[in-house]
Amino acid sequence: MKHGRRFFWEELAIMASFFVRWHLMYSPHVGGIWGTVALYMTVRTIESHWFVWVTQMSHIPMKIDKYADTEERDWISLQLNSTCVSPASGKTKPLD
């Protein structure tokens, strides 16, 4: 991996070329510089919400009942049970 001034200027040039290409491609369709900025921010907002939705889908617990399980279990067992991951097999299945 490269570090230093050369790395900084290369990264800056790549980033600037992305925004120049973005502007050249979309400004005729969305109405100039402010239209491209609004489109970019809209796309980034939708992308971030999609990313959060997809990455959190595996963390939805199976059972949501505060008093159904009266026995005390350790934190790791509760987490594995809520995500349906079996540590023994590495496969996705309920622990109960």
Protein backbone atom coordinates (compact mmCIF):
# COMPACT_ATOMS: atom_id res chain seq x y z
CA MET A 1 0.00 0.00 0.00
CA LYS A 2 1.33 3.42 -0.93
CA HIS A 3 1.42 6.27 1.54
CA GLY A 4 2.50 9.87 1.45
CA ARG A 5 1.99 12.83 -0.85
CA ARG A 6 1.76 10.84 -4.06
CA PHE A 7 -0.98 8.65 -2.62
CA PHE A 8 -2.93 11.74 -1.52
CA TRP A 9 -2.78 13.39 -4.95
CA GLU A 10 -3.72 10.17 -6.75
CA GLU A 11 -6.73 9.68 -4.49
CA LEU A 12 -7.73 13.31 -4.90
CA ALA A 13 -7.52 13.01 -8.71
CA ILE A 14 -9.61 9.84 -8.73
CA MET A 15 -12.23 11.42 -6.49
CA ALA A 16 -12.33 14.61 -8.56
CA SER A 17 -12.68 12.62 -11.79
CA PHE A 18 -15.70 10.81 -10.32
CA PHE A 19 -17.48 14.07 -9.57
CA VAL A 20 -16.56 15.55 -12.97
CA ARG A 21 -17.96 12.47 -14.72
CA TRP A 22 -21.06 12.52 -12.48
CA HIS A 23 -21.67 16.16 -13.39
CA LEU A 24 -21.11 15.63 -17.12
CA MET A 25 -23.45 12.64 -17.22
CA TYR A 26 -26.35 13.95 -15.16
CA SER A 27 -26.34 17.76 -15.35
CA PRO A 28 -28.22 17.87 -18.69
CA HIS A 29 -30.96 15.68 -17.18
CA VAL A 30 -31.40 17.26 -13.75
CA GLY A 31 -30.75 20.92 -14.41
CA GLY A 32 -27.18 21.96 -13.75
CA ILE A 33 -24.84 21.81 -10.79
CA TRP A 34 -27.47 22.01 -8.04
CA GLY A 35 -29.51 19.29 -9.70
CA THR A 36 -26.49 16.98 -9.76
CA VAL A 37 -25.72 17.75 -6.12
CA ALA A 38 -29.34 17.02 -5.16
CA LEU A 39 -29.30 13.78 -7.17
CA TYR A 40 -26.02 12.70 -5.58
CA MET A 41 -27.33 13.37 -2.07
CA THR A 42 -30.60 11.58 -2.83
CA VAL A 43 -28.78 8.52 -4.15
CA ARG A 44 -26.46 8.47 -1.11
CA THR A 45 -29.43 8.75 1.28
CA ILE A 46 -31.30 5.88 -0.39
CA GLU A 47 -28.11 3.82 -0.50
CA SER A 48 -27.42 4.34 3.20
CA HIS A 49 -30.97 3.37 4.20
CA TRP A 50 -30.77 0.28 2.00
CA PHE A 51 -27.41 -0.70 3.53
CA VAL A 52 -28.73 -0.38 7.08
CA TRP A 53 -31.86 -2.37 6.17
CA VAL A 54 -29.90 -5.22 4.57
CA THR A 55 -27.22 -5.48 7.24
CA GLN A 56 -29.71 -5.41 10.10
CA MET A 57 -32.01 -8.09 8.68
CA SER A 58 -29.91 -10.85 10.26
CA HIS A 59 -30.32 -9.24 13.69
CA ILE A 60 -34.09 -9.45 13.92
CA PRO A 61 -34.83 -11.68 16.91
CA MET A 62 -37.05 -14.71 16.50
CA LYS A 63 -38.95 -14.40 19.77
CA ILE A 64 -39.92 -11.05 21.23
CA ASP A 65 -41.53 -11.86 24.54
CA LYS A 66 -40.02 -10.44 27.68
CA TYR A 67 -41.30 -13.04 30.13
CA ALA A 68 -41.57 -16.19 27.97
CA ASP A 69 -38.09 -17.47 28.75
CA THR A 70 -37.77 -17.44 32.54
CA GLU A 71 -34.44 -19.23 32.77
CA GLU A 72 -31.39 -17.02 32.86
CA ARG A 73 -28.98 -17.43 29.96
CA ASP A 74 -25.70 -15.78 29.22
CA TRP A 75 -25.39 -12.97 26.69
CA ILE A 76 -23.67 -15.07 23.98
CA SER A 77 -26.40 -17.73 24.04
CA LEU A 78 -29.10 -15.08 23.76
CA GLN A 79 -27.34 -13.43 20.81
CA LEU A 80 -26.83 -16.73 19.01
CA ASN A 81 -30.45 -17.69 19.60
CA SER A 82 -31.76 -14.38 18.27
CA THR A 83 -29.68 -14.62 15.08
CA CYS A 84 -30.24 -18.37 14.61
CA VAL A 85 -26.55 -19.21 14.30
CA SER A 86 -25.40 -22.51 15.72
CA PRO A 87 -21.76 -22.36 16.88
CA ALA A 88 -21.34 -26.14 16.59
CA SER A 89 -22.29 -26.52 12.94
CA GLY A 90 -21.78 -23.01 11.61
CA LYS A 91 -25.13 -23.34 9.84
CA THR A 92 -28.16 -21.16 10.24
CA LYS A 93 -30.69 -22.89 12.47
CA PRO A 94 -32.48 -22.26 15.78
CA LEU A 95 -30.69 -23.33 18.95
CA ASP A 96 -33.85 -24.38 20.85
